Amino acid sequence: MSRLLPFIGFVLVVALLIFGLRWNRTHDMNWVPSPLIDKPAPEFTLPLLYDSTKTVSRQDLLGQPYLLNVFGSWCVTCQDEHPVLMAHAKKFGVRLIGMDWKDDPDTAKRWLAQFGNPYDTILVDADGKAGIDFGVYGAPETFLVDAQGVVRYKHIGNLTPENIERELKPAIAQLGKVQP
């Protein structure tokens, strides 16, 4: 019997591996449930990138829906996403708010000067605390927040033209149908 224990352990490990591989094929690995969906966005007050003497809070953004795009100049995936934001920002129909996350503001300004600025407003979350409150796993992440300040949609990873059409545009269109 003691000789069978390692074999049984090996069979269990192989079974778990096969289960994991099949699970990955049938589930979207970019989708992570957010406990913020249909709940108020977290409170925050953050300085503006281009004028650190001024701040913007959650309350300042109430009254109109917006997309909050978490990015960083250090983020390779954000560089992939950036041309998509540049091409689609004006087509969203809602404000695009950037949150420069865990980044040096001067580096972010240079990065935006080089690649363009698709954002209506850019907030600085240098210490990452606001990102933690939003449940950010890593940049880029995008949140759709309605006019009442309730998070209605979250996308982890870079936005592509395909997921903008398939997911984001319908979520934005749904905002007009959501009761406060």
Protein backbone atom coordinates (compact mmCIF):
# COMPACT_ATOMS: atom_id res chain seq x y z
CA MET A 1 0.00 0.00 0.00
CA SER A 2 2.84 2.43 0.80
CA ARG A 3 4.11 1.95 -2.76
CA LEU A 4 0.73 3.01 -4.18
CA LEU A 5 0.59 6.36 -2.34
CA PRO A 6 3.05 8.18 -4.66
CA PHE A 7 1.21 6.79 -7.68
CA ILE A 8 -2.17 7.91 -6.31
CA GLY A 9 -0.70 11.36 -5.60
CA PHE A 10 0.63 11.54 -9.16
CA VAL A 11 -2.77 10.57 -10.61
CA LEU A 12 -4.48 13.28 -8.51
CA VAL A 13 -2.02 15.94 -9.72
CA VAL A 14 -2.55 14.90 -13.35
CA ALA A 15 -6.34 14.97 -12.85
CA LEU A 16 -6.11 18.52 -11.43
CA LEU A 17 -3.94 19.59 -14.35
CA ILE A 18 -6.42 18.22 -16.89
CA PHE A 19 -9.30 19.90 -15.06
CA GLY A 20 -7.43 23.24 -15.09
CA LEU A 21 -6.65 23.02 -18.79
CA ARG A 22 -10.27 22.30 -19.66
CA TRP A 23 -11.49 25.06 -17.34
CA ASN A 24 -9.24 27.60 -19.08
CA ARG A 25 -10.60 26.67 -22.50
CA THR A 26 -14.21 27.28 -21.45
CA HIS A 27 -13.77 30.44 -19.33
CA ASP A 28 -12.69 33.98 -20.24
CA MET A 29 -9.51 34.46 -18.23
CA ASN A 30 -9.70 38.26 -18.58
CA TRP A 31 -13.01 38.34 -16.76
CA VAL A 32 -12.70 38.77 -13.03
CA PRO A 33 -15.89 39.54 -11.13
CA SER A 34 -15.85 42.93 -9.47
CA PRO A 35 -17.63 43.45 -6.16
CA LEU A 36 -18.12 47.09 -7.24
CA ILE A 37 -20.57 46.33 -10.07
CA ASP A 38 -23.89 48.05 -9.26
CA LYS A 39 -22.36 49.68 -6.18
CA PRO A 40 -21.15 53.25 -5.63
CA ALA A 41 -17.64 53.99 -6.86
CA PRO A 42 -15.18 54.38 -3.99
CA GLU A 43 -14.57 57.80 -2.50
CA PHE A 44 -11.42 59.50 -3.78
CA THR A 45 -9.84 62.90 -4.08
CA LEU A 46 -6.85 62.96 -6.43
CA PRO A 47 -4.67 65.70 -7.90
CA LEU A 48 -4.77 66.54 -11.59
CA LEU A 49 -1.77 65.49 -13.66
CA TYR A 50 -1.27 68.86 -15.30
CA ASP A 51 -2.09 70.97 -12.22
CA SER A 52 -1.29 69.20 -8.96
CA THR A 53 -2.67 72.15 -6.94
CA LYS A 54 -6.18 71.15 -8.06
CA THR A 55 -7.99 67.96 -7.13
CA VAL A 56 -10.98 66.03 -8.41
CA SER A 57 -13.16 63.90 -6.15
CA ARG A 58 -15.84 61.31 -6.74
CA GLN A 59 -18.45 63.98 -5.97
CA ASP A 60 -17.00 66.29 -8.64
CA LEU A 61 -17.68 63.64 -11.29
CA LEU A 62 -21.34 63.05 -10.34
CA GLY A 63 -24.02 64.15 -12.78
CA GLN A 64 -22.54 62.67 -15.96
CA PRO A 65 -21.39 59.12 -16.73
CA TYR A 66 -17.70 58.53 -17.34
CA LEU A 67 -15.13 55.90 -18.15
CA LEU A 68 -12.26 55.67 -15.70
CA ASN A 69 -9.21 54.21 -17.45
CA VAL A 70 -6.38 53.15 -15.14
CA PHE A 71 -3.02 53.40 -16.91
CA GLY A 72 0.68 53.96 -16.32
CA SER A 73 3.55 55.01 -18.54
CA TRP A 74 5.44 51.95 -17.24
CA CYS A 75 2.69 49.59 -18.45
CA VAL A 76 3.47 47.74 -21.70
CA THR A 77 -0.16 46.69 -22.19
CA CYS A 78 -1.22 50.34 -21.77
CA GLN A 79 1.00 51.16 -24.74
CA ASP A 80 -0.92 48.56 -26.77
CA GLU A 81 -4.26 50.00 -25.62
CA HIS A 82 -3.34 53.66 -26.15
CA PRO A 83 -3.90 53.85 -29.95
CA VAL A 84 -7.34 52.29 -29.43
CA LEU A 85 -8.20 54.96 -26.86
CA MET A 86 -6.93 57.67 -29.18
CA ALA A 87 -9.16 56.34 -31.99
CA HIS A 88 -12.30 55.77 -29.89
CA ALA A 89 -12.24 58.35 -27.08
CA LYS A 90 -14.52 60.86 -28.79
CA LYS A 91 -16.87 58.09 -29.96
CA PHE A 92 -17.66 56.76 -26.48
CA GLY A 93 -20.25 59.45 -25.79
CA VAL A 94 -19.07 59.74 -22.19
CA ARG A 95 -16.10 61.46 -20.59
CA LEU A 96 -12.85 59.51 -20.53
CA ILE A 97 -11.07 60.06 -17.23
CA GLY A 98 -7.52 58.76 -16.94
CA MET A 99 -6.05 57.58 -13.65
CA ASP A 100 -2.26 57.61 -13.81
CA TRP A 101 -1.60 54.74 -11.42
CA LYS A 102 1.61 54.21 -9.46
CA ASP A 103 3.53 56.40 -11.86
CA ASP A 104 5.84 59.39 -11.85
CA PRO A 105 3.77 62.38 -13.08
CA ASP A 106 6.64 63.82 -15.14
CA THR A 107 7.17 60.48 -16.89
CA ALA A 108 3.43 60.25 -17.56
CA LYS A 109 3.41 63.74 -19.07
CA ARG A 110 6.28 62.83 -21.39
CA TRP A 111 4.54 59.58 -22.34
CA LEU A 112 1.30 61.41 -23.17
CA ALA A 113 3.20 64.07 -25.12
CA GLN A 114 4.79 61.30 -27.19
CA PHE A 115 1.70 59.12 -27.78
CA GLY A 116 -1.16 61.65 -27.49
CA ASN A 117 -3.73 62.41 -24.83
CA PRO A 118 -7.17 60.82 -25.28
CA TYR A 119 -8.38 61.84 -21.80
CA ASP A 120 -10.76 64.63 -20.81
CA THR A 121 -9.18 64.70 -17.34
CA ILE A 122 -6.20 62.88 -15.84
CA LEU A 123 -5.97 62.07 -12.13
CA VAL A 124 -2.78 61.01 -10.37
CA ASP A 125 -2.86 58.00 -8.03
CA ALA A 126 0.86 57.98 -7.26
CA ASP A 127 0.62 55.78 -4.15
CA GLY A 128 -1.97 53.44 -5.66
CA LYS A 129 -4.49 53.75 -2.81
CA ALA A 130 -7.41 54.82 -5.00
CA GLY A 131 -6.63 51.93 -7.33
CA ILE A 132 -6.75 49.54 -4.40
CA ASP A 133 -10.16 50.93 -3.42
CA PHE A 134 -11.36 50.29 -6.98
CA GLY A 135 -9.99 46.75 -6.81
CA VAL A 136 -7.42 47.31 -9.55
CA TYR A 137 -5.40 44.17 -10.26
CA GLY A 138 -3.08 45.82 -12.75
CA ALA A 139 -3.11 48.38 -15.51
CA PRO A 140 -4.90 48.85 -17.75
CA GLU A 141 -8.36 48.52 -16.30
CA THR A 142 -11.45 50.45 -17.28
CA PHE A 143 -14.58 51.22 -15.25
CA LEU A 144 -17.87 52.61 -16.52
CA VAL A 145 -19.49 54.78 -13.85
CA ASP A 146 -23.00 56.16 -14.29
CA ALA A 147 -24.18 59.70 -13.53
CA GLN A 148 -25.10 58.70 -9.96
CA GLY A 149 -21.58 57.42 -9.32
CA VAL A 150 -22.43 53.71 -9.53
CA VAL A 151 -19.98 51.33 -11.23
CA ARG A 152 -21.80 49.56 -14.07
CA TYR A 153 -18.99 47.79 -15.94
CA LYS A 154 -15.36 46.78 -15.48
CA HIS A 155 -12.85 45.60 -18.06
CA ILE A 156 -9.48 44.17 -17.07
CA GLY A 157 -6.74 44.41 -19.66
CA ASN A 158 -6.44 46.48 -22.77
CA LEU A 159 -9.55 47.63 -24.60
CA THR A 160 -9.67 46.46 -28.20
CA PRO A 161 -12.01 47.54 -31.00
CA GLU A 162 -13.72 44.16 -30.64
CA ASN A 163 -14.50 44.38 -26.93
CA ILE A 164 -15.47 48.03 -27.28
CA GLU A 165 -18.12 47.01 -29.82
CA ARG A 166 -19.17 43.80 -28.06
CA GLU A 167 -19.12 44.92 -24.40
CA LEU A 168 -18.42 48.58 -23.75
CA LYS A 169 -20.79 50.25 -26.22
CA PRO A 170 -23.77 48.14 -25.07
CA ALA A 171 -22.88 48.94 -21.43
CA ILE A 172 -22.79 52.66 -22.24
CA ALA A 173 -26.10 52.39 -24.14
CA GLN A 174 -27.61 50.63 -21.13
CA LEU A 175 -26.87 53.67 -18.92
CA GLY A 176 -29.93 55.47 -20.28
CA LYS A 177 -32.10 52.53 -19.17
CA VAL A 178 -30.68 52.19 -15.64
CA GLN A 179 -32.89 53.54 -12.89
CA PRO A 180 -31.09 55.50 -10.15
